[in-house]
């Protein structure tokens, strides 16, 4: 009787040391093997398209095409694709977007190595792997209304310290329209002021720290 074929795993992370650590971890198991590595979202999509790994283990923060976009592209081509997110992002928006895109598992990078291996086996066998704390964040996110793309644009510029007029000038819309967007996004986030909106948006991973990097708003 021949031995079962090992689980074929694609490891995707833009940090070389972490990626190599995951490769070593997976290849140390007799029932799984790494068949490829990727350091960008585009590489993930291209490798998946060519080799169809059994399980893809990937980060959300990737250069170029981000993790959520890569998951969505992969799952659009193969609805049965088995993708596990392994990330530092624990905000409910990050969880929501990844699972909505089609991820079957969502793990934080401080998880025990044995749990990563168990997740690969579980997802390969057709189950989902969403730890209780992640499921709770997902449930919390579902309670909130989606911010529109324009509201997120406005929020990012609020995070940079722009006034409503400066935001309007930057986005090419009227100051009154900006004010309406601000009122709407504050309501959806359930906060009273712009500072709290930015703090909560960072906590929930609606925006990233890069969005807070201040470029000169000028003196409009």
N, C-alpha and C. Protein backbone atom coordinates (compact mmCIF):
# COMPACT_ATOMS: atom_id res chain seq x y z
N UNK A 1 0.85 -1.19 0.00
CA UNK A 1 0.00 0.00 0.00
C UNK A 1 0.88 1.24 0.00
N UNK A 2 0.68 2.13 -0.98
CA UNK A 2 1.53 3.33 -1.09
C UNK A 2 1.16 4.36 -0.04
N UNK A 3 2.14 5.17 0.34
CA UNK A 3 1.90 6.23 1.32
C UNK A 3 1.07 7.34 0.68
N UNK A 4 0.28 8.02 1.51
CA UNK A 4 -0.52 9.13 1.02
C UNK A 4 0.39 10.26 0.54
N UNK A 5 -0.06 10.96 -0.49
CA UNK A 5 0.71 12.09 -1.00
C UNK A 5 0.74 13.20 0.03
N UNK A 6 1.89 13.83 0.27
CA UNK A 6 1.95 14.92 1.25
C UNK A 6 1.14 16.13 0.81
N UNK A 7 0.71 16.90 1.77
CA UNK A 7 -0.03 18.14 1.50
C UNK A 7 0.93 19.13 0.85
N UNK A 8 0.58 19.64 -0.30
CA UNK A 8 1.43 20.56 -1.04
C UNK A 8 1.11 21.99 -0.62
N UNK A 9 2.10 22.68 -0.05
CA UNK A 9 1.86 23.99 0.57
C UNK A 9 2.64 25.09 -0.16
N UNK A 10 1.97 26.19 -0.42
CA UNK A 10 2.61 27.41 -0.90
C UNK A 10 2.74 28.36 0.28
N UNK A 11 3.94 28.87 0.53
CA UNK A 11 4.19 29.81 1.63
C UNK A 11 4.44 31.20 1.04
N UNK A 12 3.66 32.18 1.47
CA UNK A 12 3.78 33.53 0.93
C UNK A 12 3.91 34.56 2.05
N UNK A 13 5.04 35.24 2.07
CA UNK A 13 5.28 36.31 3.04
C UNK A 13 6.41 37.16 2.49
N UNK A 14 6.30 38.48 2.63
CA UNK A 14 7.34 39.34 2.05
C UNK A 14 8.57 39.45 2.95
N UNK A 15 8.50 38.91 4.16
CA UNK A 15 9.66 38.91 5.04
C UNK A 15 10.42 37.59 4.89
N UNK A 16 11.63 37.68 4.38
CA UNK A 16 12.41 36.49 4.03
C UNK A 16 12.62 35.57 5.22
N UNK A 17 13.03 36.12 6.37
CA UNK A 17 13.35 35.28 7.53
C UNK A 17 12.12 34.52 7.99
N UNK A 18 10.99 35.20 8.07
CA UNK A 18 9.76 34.53 8.50
C UNK A 18 9.35 33.48 7.47
N UNK A 19 9.48 33.81 6.21
CA UNK A 19 9.11 32.85 5.17
C UNK A 19 9.96 31.59 5.25
N UNK A 20 11.26 31.78 5.44
CA UNK A 20 12.16 30.64 5.55
C UNK A 20 11.83 29.80 6.78
N UNK A 21 11.43 30.47 7.87
CA UNK A 21 11.05 29.75 9.08
C UNK A 21 9.83 28.88 8.84
N UNK A 22 8.86 29.42 8.12
CA UNK A 22 7.66 28.64 7.81
C UNK A 22 7.97 27.47 6.88
N UNK A 23 8.84 27.72 5.92
CA UNK A 23 9.24 26.65 5.01
C UNK A 23 9.89 25.51 5.79
N UNK A 24 10.80 25.87 6.69
CA UNK A 24 11.47 24.86 7.50
C UNK A 24 10.48 24.10 8.37
N UNK A 25 9.54 24.83 8.95
CA UNK A 25 8.52 24.21 9.81
C UNK A 25 7.70 23.19 9.02
N UNK A 26 7.20 23.60 7.87
CA UNK A 26 6.35 22.71 7.07
C UNK A 26 7.14 21.52 6.55
N UNK A 27 8.33 21.77 6.05
CA UNK A 27 9.12 20.68 5.48
C UNK A 27 9.63 19.69 6.53
N UNK A 28 9.51 20.07 7.79
CA UNK A 28 9.90 19.16 8.86
C UNK A 28 8.86 18.11 9.16
N UNK A 29 7.68 18.22 8.53
CA UNK A 29 6.60 17.27 8.74
C UNK A 29 6.58 16.23 7.61
N UNK A 30 6.27 15.00 7.95
CA UNK A 30 6.28 13.94 6.95
C UNK A 30 5.06 13.97 6.03
N UNK A 31 3.98 14.65 6.49
CA UNK A 31 2.74 14.62 5.70
C UNK A 31 2.49 15.90 4.93
N UNK A 32 3.49 16.77 4.84
CA UNK A 32 3.33 18.00 4.07
C UNK A 32 4.68 18.45 3.51
N UNK A 33 4.62 19.23 2.45
CA UNK A 33 5.85 19.72 1.83
C UNK A 33 5.59 21.07 1.16
N UNK A 34 6.57 21.94 1.21
CA UNK A 34 6.46 23.25 0.55
C UNK A 34 6.82 23.07 -0.92
N UNK A 35 5.91 23.46 -1.81
CA UNK A 35 6.19 23.34 -3.24
C UNK A 35 6.55 24.68 -3.86
N UNK A 36 6.46 25.76 -3.05
CA UNK A 36 6.83 27.06 -3.59
C UNK A 36 6.75 28.15 -2.56
N UNK A 37 7.42 29.27 -2.86
CA UNK A 37 7.42 30.45 -2.01
C UNK A 37 7.04 31.66 -2.85
N UNK A 38 6.46 32.66 -2.19
CA UNK A 38 6.12 33.90 -2.87
C UNK A 38 6.35 35.06 -1.91
N UNK A 39 6.78 36.20 -2.47
CA UNK A 39 7.05 37.37 -1.64
C UNK A 39 6.17 38.56 -2.01
N UNK A 40 5.22 38.35 -2.94
CA UNK A 40 4.29 39.42 -3.32
C UNK A 40 2.95 38.81 -3.69
N UNK A 41 1.92 39.65 -3.68
CA UNK A 41 0.60 39.17 -4.04
C UNK A 41 0.54 38.63 -5.46
N UNK A 42 1.22 39.30 -6.38
CA UNK A 42 1.22 38.87 -7.77
C UNK A 42 1.87 37.49 -7.91
N UNK A 43 2.97 37.27 -7.16
CA UNK A 43 3.62 35.97 -7.21
C UNK A 43 2.71 34.86 -6.68
N UNK A 44 1.96 35.18 -5.64
CA UNK A 44 1.02 34.19 -5.08
C UNK A 44 0.03 33.76 -6.15
N UNK A 45 -0.57 34.74 -6.82
CA UNK A 45 -1.58 34.45 -7.84
C UNK A 45 -0.98 33.63 -8.97
N UNK A 46 0.20 34.03 -9.45
CA UNK A 46 0.82 33.34 -10.58
C UNK A 46 1.21 31.91 -10.21
N UNK A 47 1.77 31.74 -8.99
CA UNK A 47 2.16 30.39 -8.58
C UNK A 47 0.94 29.51 -8.42
N UNK A 48 -0.10 30.04 -7.80
CA UNK A 48 -1.31 29.26 -7.61
C UNK A 48 -1.88 28.83 -8.95
N UNK A 49 -1.91 29.75 -9.88
CA UNK A 49 -2.47 29.47 -11.21
C UNK A 49 -1.70 28.33 -11.90
N UNK A 50 -0.39 28.30 -11.71
CA UNK A 50 0.44 27.32 -12.41
C UNK A 50 0.49 25.97 -11.69
N UNK A 51 0.48 25.98 -10.35
CA UNK A 51 0.77 24.75 -9.62
C UNK A 51 -0.36 24.24 -8.72
N UNK A 52 -1.38 25.05 -8.48
CA UNK A 52 -2.53 24.63 -7.68
C UNK A 52 -2.13 23.92 -6.38
N UNK A 53 -1.50 24.63 -5.46
CA UNK A 53 -1.13 24.01 -4.17
C UNK A 53 -2.39 23.56 -3.43
N UNK A 54 -2.21 22.58 -2.55
CA UNK A 54 -3.34 22.12 -1.74
C UNK A 54 -3.75 23.18 -0.71
N UNK A 55 -2.76 23.83 -0.12
CA UNK A 55 -3.00 24.86 0.89
C UNK A 55 -2.04 26.02 0.63
N UNK A 56 -2.56 27.23 0.68
CA UNK A 56 -1.72 28.43 0.57
C UNK A 56 -1.70 29.13 1.92
N UNK A 57 -0.51 29.32 2.47
CA UNK A 57 -0.32 29.98 3.76
C UNK A 57 0.27 31.34 3.47
N UNK A 58 -0.47 32.42 3.78
CA UNK A 58 0.00 33.73 3.33
C UNK A 58 -0.32 34.86 4.29
N UNK A 59 0.49 35.90 4.20
CA UNK A 59 0.30 37.12 4.97
C UNK A 59 -0.69 38.03 4.24
N UNK A 60 -1.25 39.00 4.96
CA UNK A 60 -2.11 39.99 4.32
C UNK A 60 -1.31 41.17 3.77
N UNK A 61 -0.23 41.52 4.47
CA UNK A 61 0.58 42.66 4.05
C UNK A 61 1.60 42.20 3.02
N UNK A 62 1.31 42.46 1.75
CA UNK A 62 2.18 42.07 0.67
C UNK A 62 2.39 43.27 -0.25
N UNK A 63 3.57 43.38 -0.85
CA UNK A 63 3.80 44.50 -1.77
C UNK A 63 2.99 44.33 -3.05
N UNK A 64 2.62 45.46 -3.66
CA UNK A 64 1.83 45.40 -4.88
C UNK A 64 0.41 44.99 -4.58
N UNK A 65 -0.01 43.88 -5.13
CA UNK A 65 -1.33 43.33 -4.83
C UNK A 65 -1.33 42.82 -3.40
N UNK A 66 -2.23 43.34 -2.56
CA UNK A 66 -2.20 42.92 -1.16
C UNK A 66 -2.83 41.55 -0.96
N UNK A 67 -2.76 41.07 0.27
CA UNK A 67 -3.21 39.72 0.56
C UNK A 67 -4.68 39.50 0.26
N UNK A 68 -5.54 40.45 0.65
CA UNK A 68 -6.98 40.30 0.40
C UNK A 68 -7.26 40.23 -1.09
N UNK A 69 -6.61 41.10 -1.86
CA UNK A 69 -6.80 41.09 -3.31
C UNK A 69 -6.32 39.77 -3.93
N UNK A 70 -5.20 39.26 -3.42
CA UNK A 70 -4.68 37.99 -3.93
C UNK A 70 -5.63 36.84 -3.61
N UNK A 71 -6.16 36.83 -2.38
CA UNK A 71 -7.12 35.78 -2.00
C UNK A 71 -8.34 35.84 -2.90
N UNK A 72 -8.86 37.04 -3.13
CA UNK A 72 -10.05 37.19 -3.97
C UNK A 72 -9.78 36.70 -5.39
N UNK A 73 -8.60 37.01 -5.92
CA UNK A 73 -8.26 36.58 -7.28
C UNK A 73 -8.14 35.06 -7.37
N UNK A 74 -7.50 34.47 -6.36
CA UNK A 74 -7.33 33.01 -6.34
C UNK A 74 -8.68 32.32 -6.23
N UNK A 75 -9.52 32.79 -5.33
CA UNK A 75 -10.81 32.14 -5.11
C UNK A 75 -11.79 32.38 -6.26
N UNK A 76 -11.58 33.46 -7.01
CA UNK A 76 -12.41 33.69 -8.19
C UNK A 76 -12.10 32.63 -9.25
N UNK A 77 -10.83 32.23 -9.34
CA UNK A 77 -10.42 31.21 -10.29
C UNK A 77 -10.74 29.80 -9.79
N UNK A 78 -10.63 29.62 -8.48
CA UNK A 78 -10.87 28.29 -7.90
C UNK A 78 -11.61 28.45 -6.58
N UNK A 79 -12.94 28.37 -6.59
CA UNK A 79 -13.72 28.54 -5.37
C UNK A 79 -13.37 27.53 -4.27
N UNK A 80 -12.73 26.43 -4.65
CA UNK A 80 -12.35 25.42 -3.66
C UNK A 80 -10.94 25.64 -3.10
N UNK A 81 -10.30 26.73 -3.50
CA UNK A 81 -8.94 27.02 -3.02
C UNK A 81 -8.93 27.09 -1.50
N UNK A 82 -7.87 26.56 -0.92
CA UNK A 82 -7.75 26.53 0.55
C UNK A 82 -6.63 27.49 0.96
N UNK A 83 -7.03 28.64 1.46
CA UNK A 83 -6.08 29.69 1.84
C UNK A 83 -6.17 29.95 3.34
N UNK A 84 -5.00 29.97 3.97
CA UNK A 84 -4.92 30.32 5.40
C UNK A 84 -4.14 31.62 5.52
N UNK A 85 -4.71 32.57 6.20
CA UNK A 85 -4.02 33.84 6.47
C UNK A 85 -3.20 33.69 7.75
N UNK A 86 -1.95 34.12 7.69
CA UNK A 86 -1.09 34.15 8.88
C UNK A 86 -0.52 35.56 8.95
N UNK A 87 -0.98 36.35 9.92
CA UNK A 87 -0.72 37.78 9.90
C UNK A 87 -0.61 38.36 11.29
N UNK A 88 -0.15 39.60 11.36
CA UNK A 88 -0.16 40.33 12.63
C UNK A 88 -1.46 41.11 12.79
N UNK A 89 -2.24 41.22 11.73
CA UNK A 89 -3.43 42.06 11.74
C UNK A 89 -4.59 41.37 12.44
N UNK A 90 -4.98 41.90 13.59
CA UNK A 90 -6.06 41.27 14.35
C UNK A 90 -7.32 42.13 14.41
N UNK A 91 -7.32 43.27 13.70
CA UNK A 91 -8.51 44.11 13.68
C UNK A 91 -9.66 43.44 12.96
N UNK A 92 -10.89 43.78 13.35
CA UNK A 92 -12.04 43.08 12.79
C UNK A 92 -12.22 43.33 11.29
N UNK A 93 -11.77 44.50 10.80
CA UNK A 93 -11.91 44.76 9.37
C UNK A 93 -10.99 43.84 8.56
N UNK A 94 -9.77 43.63 9.05
CA UNK A 94 -8.84 42.74 8.35
C UNK A 94 -9.39 41.32 8.31
N UNK A 95 -9.93 40.86 9.42
CA UNK A 95 -10.53 39.52 9.48
C UNK A 95 -11.69 39.43 8.50
N UNK A 96 -12.57 40.40 8.54
CA UNK A 96 -13.77 40.42 7.69
C UNK A 96 -13.40 40.38 6.21
N UNK A 97 -12.47 41.25 5.82
CA UNK A 97 -12.10 41.33 4.41
C UNK A 97 -11.46 40.03 3.92
N UNK A 98 -10.59 39.45 4.74
CA UNK A 98 -9.90 38.22 4.33
C UNK A 98 -10.88 37.06 4.20
N UNK A 99 -11.76 36.90 5.18
CA UNK A 99 -12.71 35.79 5.12
C UNK A 99 -13.75 36.01 4.03
N UNK A 100 -14.15 37.25 3.83
CA UNK A 100 -15.09 37.53 2.75
C UNK A 100 -14.46 37.24 1.38
N UNK A 101 -13.14 37.47 1.28
CA UNK A 101 -12.45 37.20 0.02
C UNK A 101 -12.34 35.71 -0.27
N UNK A 102 -12.45 34.87 0.78
CA UNK A 102 -12.44 33.44 0.57
C UNK A 102 -11.48 32.64 1.42
N UNK A 103 -10.75 33.29 2.34
CA UNK A 103 -9.82 32.55 3.20
C UNK A 103 -10.58 31.53 4.05
N UNK A 104 -9.96 30.36 4.24
CA UNK A 104 -10.58 29.29 5.05
C UNK A 104 -10.06 29.30 6.49
N UNK A 105 -8.94 29.99 6.70
CA UNK A 105 -8.37 30.07 8.04
C UNK A 105 -7.77 31.45 8.28
N UNK A 106 -7.70 31.84 9.53
CA UNK A 106 -7.14 33.14 9.88
C UNK A 106 -6.38 33.00 11.19
N UNK A 107 -5.06 33.10 11.12
CA UNK A 107 -4.21 32.90 12.29
C UNK A 107 -3.35 34.13 12.52
N UNK A 108 -3.06 34.41 13.79
CA UNK A 108 -2.14 35.49 14.14
C UNK A 108 -0.73 34.94 14.28
N UNK A 109 0.26 35.77 14.00
CA UNK A 109 1.64 35.29 13.94
C UNK A 109 2.23 34.93 15.30
N UNK A 110 1.53 35.23 16.38
CA UNK A 110 2.03 34.81 17.69
C UNK A 110 1.51 33.42 18.08
N UNK A 111 0.87 32.74 17.14
CA UNK A 111 0.32 31.42 17.40
C UNK A 111 1.44 30.38 17.52
N UNK A 112 1.21 29.33 18.26
CA UNK A 112 2.20 28.26 18.41
C UNK A 112 2.40 27.54 17.07
N UNK A 113 3.63 27.09 16.84
CA UNK A 113 3.92 26.42 15.57
C UNK A 113 3.08 25.17 15.37
N UNK A 114 2.81 24.44 16.44
CA UNK A 114 1.98 23.24 16.32
C UNK A 114 0.58 23.59 15.83
N UNK A 115 0.10 24.76 16.22
CA UNK A 115 -1.24 25.18 15.80
C UNK A 115 -1.25 25.56 14.31
N UNK A 116 -0.13 26.09 13.81
CA UNK A 116 -0.04 26.37 12.37
C UNK A 116 -0.13 25.07 11.58
N UNK A 117 0.61 24.08 12.01
CA UNK A 117 0.59 22.77 11.33
C UNK A 117 -0.80 22.13 11.42
N UNK A 118 -1.43 22.25 12.58
CA UNK A 118 -2.77 21.68 12.75
C UNK A 118 -3.77 22.39 11.83
N UNK A 119 -3.59 23.70 11.66
CA UNK A 119 -4.48 24.46 10.79
C UNK A 119 -4.32 24.02 9.34
N UNK A 120 -3.10 23.80 8.91
CA UNK A 120 -2.87 23.33 7.53
C UNK A 120 -3.59 22.00 7.30
N UNK A 121 -3.45 21.09 8.24
CA UNK A 121 -4.10 19.77 8.10
C UNK A 121 -5.63 19.93 8.10
N UNK A 122 -6.13 20.76 8.99
CA UNK A 122 -7.58 20.93 9.13
C UNK A 122 -8.19 21.53 7.87
N UNK A 123 -7.57 22.60 7.38
CA UNK A 123 -8.09 23.26 6.18
C UNK A 123 -7.97 22.33 4.96
N UNK A 124 -6.88 21.59 4.89
CA UNK A 124 -6.70 20.64 3.79
C UNK A 124 -7.83 19.60 3.77
N UNK A 125 -8.28 19.24 4.95
CA UNK A 125 -9.34 18.23 5.06
C UNK A 125 -10.74 18.82 4.86
N UNK A 126 -10.79 20.12 4.57
CA UNK A 126 -12.06 20.73 4.23
C UNK A 126 -12.72 21.53 5.33
N UNK A 127 -12.06 21.65 6.47
CA UNK A 127 -12.64 22.41 7.57
C UNK A 127 -12.10 23.85 7.57
N UNK A 128 -12.77 24.70 8.27
CA UNK A 128 -12.29 26.07 8.47
C UNK A 128 -11.49 26.12 9.77
N UNK A 129 -10.57 27.06 9.85
CA UNK A 129 -9.77 27.21 11.06
C UNK A 129 -9.79 28.68 11.47
N UNK A 130 -10.73 29.01 12.34
CA UNK A 130 -10.90 30.39 12.80
C UNK A 130 -10.97 30.35 14.32
N UNK A 131 -9.87 30.70 15.01
CA UNK A 131 -9.84 30.67 16.47
C UNK A 131 -10.97 31.52 17.07
N UNK A 132 -11.39 31.20 18.29
CA UNK A 132 -12.51 31.91 18.91
C UNK A 132 -12.36 33.42 18.95
N UNK A 133 -11.14 33.92 19.26
CA UNK A 133 -10.98 35.37 19.34
C UNK A 133 -11.13 36.03 17.97
N UNK A 134 -10.76 35.30 16.92
CA UNK A 134 -10.92 35.82 15.57
C UNK A 134 -12.39 35.79 15.17
N UNK A 135 -13.08 34.71 15.52
CA UNK A 135 -14.51 34.61 15.24
C UNK A 135 -15.28 35.72 15.94
N UNK A 136 -14.85 36.08 17.15
CA UNK A 136 -15.51 37.16 17.89
C UNK A 136 -15.33 38.49 17.17
N UNK A 137 -14.13 38.71 16.63
CA UNK A 137 -13.89 39.95 15.89
C UNK A 137 -14.73 39.99 14.61
N UNK A 138 -14.87 38.84 13.98
CA UNK A 138 -15.71 38.76 12.78
C UNK A 138 -17.15 39.13 13.13
N UNK A 139 -17.64 38.59 14.22
CA UNK A 139 -19.01 38.88 14.65
C UNK A 139 -19.18 40.36 14.95
N UNK A 140 -18.17 40.96 15.56
CA UNK A 140 -18.22 42.39 15.87
C UNK A 140 -18.26 43.20 14.59
N UNK A 141 -17.46 42.80 13.60
CA UNK A 141 -17.42 43.54 12.34
C UNK A 141 -18.76 43.50 11.61
N UNK A 142 -19.44 42.37 11.67
CA UNK A 142 -20.71 42.23 10.97
C UNK A 142 -21.75 43.21 11.49
N UNK A 143 -21.58 43.63 12.74
CA UNK A 143 -22.52 44.59 13.34
C UNK A 143 -22.39 45.97 12.73
N UNK A 144 -21.26 46.26 12.09
CA UNK A 144 -21.01 47.60 11.57
C UNK A 144 -21.34 47.70 10.09
N UNK A 145 -21.74 48.89 9.67
CA UNK A 145 -21.97 49.14 8.25
C UNK A 145 -20.63 49.35 7.55
N UNK A 146 -20.58 48.98 6.29
CA UNK A 146 -19.37 49.21 5.51
C UNK A 146 -19.17 50.70 5.27
N UNK A 147 -17.92 51.15 5.38
CA UNK A 147 -17.58 52.47 4.89
C UNK A 147 -17.45 52.39 3.38
N UNK A 148 -17.91 53.41 2.68
CA UNK A 148 -17.76 53.43 1.23
C UNK A 148 -16.29 53.73 0.89
N UNK A 149 -15.86 53.40 -0.33
CA UNK A 149 -14.48 53.75 -0.74
C UNK A 149 -14.19 55.23 -0.56
N UNK A 150 -15.15 56.09 -0.87
CA UNK A 150 -14.93 57.53 -0.71
C UNK A 150 -14.79 57.91 0.74
N UNK A 151 -15.58 57.30 1.61
CA UNK A 151 -15.46 57.58 3.05
C UNK A 151 -14.10 57.14 3.58
N UNK A 152 -13.58 56.03 3.06
CA UNK A 152 -12.24 55.60 3.47
C UNK A 152 -11.19 56.58 2.97
N UNK A 153 -11.36 57.09 1.75
CA UNK A 153 -10.44 58.12 1.24
C UNK A 153 -10.43 59.33 2.16
N UNK A 154 -11.61 59.77 2.56
CA UNK A 154 -11.72 60.92 3.46
C UNK A 154 -11.07 60.61 4.81
N UNK A 155 -11.31 59.42 5.32
CA UNK A 155 -10.75 59.02 6.61
C UNK A 155 -9.23 59.02 6.58
N UNK A 156 -8.65 58.55 5.48
CA UNK A 156 -7.19 58.54 5.35
C UNK A 156 -6.63 59.95 5.38
N UNK A 157 -7.33 60.88 4.77
CA UNK A 157 -6.85 62.27 4.77
C UNK A 157 -7.10 62.94 6.13
N UNK A 158 -8.16 62.53 6.82
CA UNK A 158 -8.35 63.00 8.20
C UNK A 158 -7.16 62.53 9.05
N UNK A 159 -6.74 61.29 8.82
CA UNK A 159 -5.61 60.73 9.58
C UNK A 159 -4.33 61.52 9.34
N UNK A 160 -4.22 62.16 8.19
CA UNK A 160 -3.04 62.96 7.87
C UNK A 160 -3.15 64.39 8.41
N UNK A 161 -4.29 64.71 9.01
CA UNK A 161 -4.46 66.03 9.60
C UNK A 161 -5.06 67.07 8.68
N UNK A 162 -5.65 66.64 7.58
CA UNK A 162 -6.24 67.59 6.63
C UNK A 162 -7.57 68.12 7.15
N UNK A 163 -7.86 69.38 6.83
CA UNK A 163 -9.16 69.97 7.13
C UNK A 163 -10.15 69.54 6.05
N UNK A 164 -11.44 69.83 6.29
CA UNK A 164 -12.44 69.48 5.28
C UNK A 164 -12.16 70.15 3.95
N UNK A 165 -11.74 71.41 3.98
CA UNK A 165 -11.45 72.12 2.74
C UNK A 165 -10.26 71.49 2.01
N UNK A 166 -9.23 71.16 2.77
CA UNK A 166 -8.06 70.53 2.16
C UNK A 166 -8.39 69.15 1.58
N UNK A 167 -9.26 68.42 2.29
CA UNK A 167 -9.69 67.12 1.79
C UNK A 167 -10.45 67.30 0.47
N UNK A 168 -11.35 68.28 0.46
CA UNK A 168 -12.11 68.55 -0.75
C UNK A 168 -11.21 68.90 -1.92
N UNK A 169 -10.22 69.75 -1.66
CA UNK A 169 -9.28 70.14 -2.71
C UNK A 169 -8.50 68.91 -3.21
N UNK A 170 -8.10 68.06 -2.28
CA UNK A 170 -7.32 66.88 -2.65
C UNK A 170 -8.15 65.89 -3.47
N UNK A 171 -9.42 65.72 -3.09
CA UNK A 171 -10.27 64.73 -3.76
C UNK A 171 -11.10 65.32 -4.91
N UNK A 172 -11.07 66.64 -5.04
CA UNK A 172 -11.82 67.27 -6.11
C UNK A 172 -13.32 67.29 -5.87
N UNK A 173 -13.71 67.44 -4.60
CA UNK A 173 -15.13 67.50 -4.26
C UNK A 173 -15.38 68.72 -3.37
N UNK A 174 -16.63 69.10 -3.24
CA UNK A 174 -16.98 70.29 -2.47
C UNK A 174 -16.75 70.06 -0.97
N UNK A 175 -16.44 71.15 -0.27
CA UNK A 175 -16.22 71.05 1.18
C UNK A 175 -17.47 70.54 1.88
N UNK A 176 -18.65 70.95 1.41
CA UNK A 176 -19.90 70.47 2.02
C UNK A 176 -20.06 68.97 1.84
N UNK A 177 -19.60 68.45 0.69
CA UNK A 177 -19.66 67.01 0.44
C UNK A 177 -18.74 66.26 1.39
N UNK A 178 -17.56 66.84 1.63
CA UNK A 178 -16.62 66.24 2.58
C UNK A 178 -17.28 66.17 3.96
N UNK A 179 -17.92 67.27 4.34
CA UNK A 179 -18.57 67.30 5.66
C UNK A 179 -19.61 66.20 5.78
N UNK A 180 -20.37 65.98 4.70
CA UNK A 180 -21.37 64.91 4.72
C UNK A 180 -20.71 63.54 4.88
N UNK A 181 -19.59 63.34 4.19
CA UNK A 181 -18.86 62.07 4.31
C UNK A 181 -18.35 61.88 5.75
N UNK A 182 -17.86 62.96 6.35
CA UNK A 182 -17.33 62.88 7.71
C UNK A 182 -18.45 62.50 8.69
N UNK A 183 -19.59 63.17 8.55
CA UNK A 183 -20.73 62.85 9.42
C UNK A 183 -21.14 61.38 9.26
N UNK A 184 -21.17 60.92 8.02
CA UNK A 184 -21.56 59.53 7.76
C UNK A 184 -20.58 58.54 8.35
N UNK A 185 -19.29 58.77 8.14
CA UNK A 185 -18.30 57.79 8.63
C UNK A 185 -18.21 57.81 10.15
N UNK A 186 -18.40 58.96 10.77
CA UNK A 186 -18.42 59.00 12.24
C UNK A 186 -19.59 58.17 12.77
N UNK A 187 -20.72 58.29 12.09
CA UNK A 187 -21.89 57.53 12.52
C UNK A 187 -21.69 56.04 12.36
N UNK A 188 -21.11 55.64 11.24
CA UNK A 188 -20.88 54.21 11.00
C UNK A 188 -19.88 53.63 11.98
N UNK A 189 -18.88 54.43 12.35
CA UNK A 189 -17.88 53.96 13.31
C UNK A 189 -18.36 54.06 14.75
N UNK A 190 -19.43 54.83 14.96
CA UNK A 190 -19.97 54.99 16.30
C UNK A 190 -19.10 55.85 17.20
N UNK A 191 -18.48 56.89 16.62
CA UNK A 191 -17.62 57.77 17.38
C UNK A 191 -18.11 59.21 17.24
N UNK A 192 -17.57 60.08 18.11
CA UNK A 192 -18.05 61.45 18.15
C UNK A 192 -17.12 62.45 17.46
N UNK A 193 -15.87 62.08 17.27
CA UNK A 193 -14.93 63.06 16.72
C UNK A 193 -13.92 62.39 15.80
N UNK A 194 -13.17 63.22 15.09
CA UNK A 194 -12.25 62.76 14.05
C UNK A 194 -11.09 61.97 14.66
N UNK A 195 -10.59 62.42 15.80
CA UNK A 195 -9.46 61.72 16.43
C UNK A 195 -9.83 60.30 16.81
N UNK A 196 -10.99 60.14 17.41
CA UNK A 196 -11.45 58.81 17.80
C UNK A 196 -11.69 57.95 16.56
N UNK A 197 -12.16 58.57 15.49
CA UNK A 197 -12.40 57.84 14.24
C UNK A 197 -11.09 57.25 13.71
N UNK A 198 -10.04 58.05 13.74
CA UNK A 198 -8.74 57.57 13.26
C UNK A 198 -8.21 56.45 14.16
N UNK A 199 -8.31 56.66 15.47
CA UNK A 199 -7.83 55.65 16.43
C UNK A 199 -8.55 54.33 16.23
N UNK A 200 -9.87 54.38 16.10
CA UNK A 200 -10.66 53.16 15.93
C UNK A 200 -10.37 52.51 14.57
N UNK A 201 -10.21 53.33 13.54
CA UNK A 201 -9.94 52.79 12.21
C UNK A 201 -8.60 52.06 12.17
N UNK A 202 -7.62 52.57 12.89
CA UNK A 202 -6.32 51.89 12.99
C UNK A 202 -6.47 50.58 13.77
N UNK A 203 -7.20 50.63 14.84
CA UNK A 203 -7.39 49.45 15.69
C UNK A 203 -8.11 48.34 14.93
N UNK A 204 -9.05 48.72 14.08
CA UNK A 204 -9.83 47.74 13.33
C UNK A 204 -9.20 47.38 11.99
N UNK A 205 -8.07 48.01 11.67
CA UNK A 205 -7.38 47.77 10.39
C UNK A 205 -8.17 48.25 9.18
N UNK A 206 -9.02 49.26 9.40
CA UNK A 206 -9.69 49.89 8.26
C UNK A 206 -8.67 50.71 7.48
N UNK A 207 -7.75 51.36 8.21
CA UNK A 207 -6.62 52.04 7.60
C UNK A 207 -5.34 51.53 8.26
N UNK A 208 -4.21 51.74 7.60
CA UNK A 208 -2.93 51.28 8.12
C UNK A 208 -2.12 52.46 8.65
N UNK A 209 -1.07 52.14 9.38
CA UNK A 209 -0.20 53.20 9.91
C UNK A 209 0.37 54.07 8.80
N UNK A 210 0.60 53.46 7.62
CA UNK A 210 1.11 54.24 6.50
C UNK A 210 0.17 55.38 6.13
N UNK A 211 -1.12 55.18 6.38
CA UNK A 211 -2.10 56.21 6.05
C UNK A 211 -2.02 57.41 6.98
N UNK A 212 -1.32 57.25 8.10
CA UNK A 212 -1.20 58.34 9.06
C UNK A 212 0.08 59.15 8.82
N UNK A 213 0.97 58.63 7.95
CA UNK A 213 2.18 59.38 7.63
C UNK A 213 1.77 60.71 7.03
N UNK A 214 2.17 61.78 7.68
CA UNK A 214 1.67 63.10 7.29
C UNK A 214 2.53 63.69 6.19
N UNK A 215 1.89 63.95 5.03
CA UNK A 215 2.53 64.80 4.05
C UNK A 215 1.95 66.19 4.23
N UNK A 216 2.63 67.17 3.76
CA UNK A 216 2.26 68.55 4.02
C UNK A 216 0.89 68.87 3.44
N UNK A 217 -0.11 69.16 4.30
CA UNK A 217 -1.44 69.47 3.79
C UNK A 217 -1.52 70.84 3.17
N UNK A 218 -0.46 71.61 3.27
CA UNK A 218 -0.46 72.93 2.67
C UNK A 218 -1.16 73.94 3.54
N UNK A 219 -1.42 75.05 2.99
CA UNK A 219 -2.03 76.14 3.77
C UNK A 219 -3.30 76.62 3.08
N UNK A 220 -4.02 75.67 2.43
CA UNK A 220 -5.25 76.06 1.73
C UNK A 220 -6.25 76.68 2.69
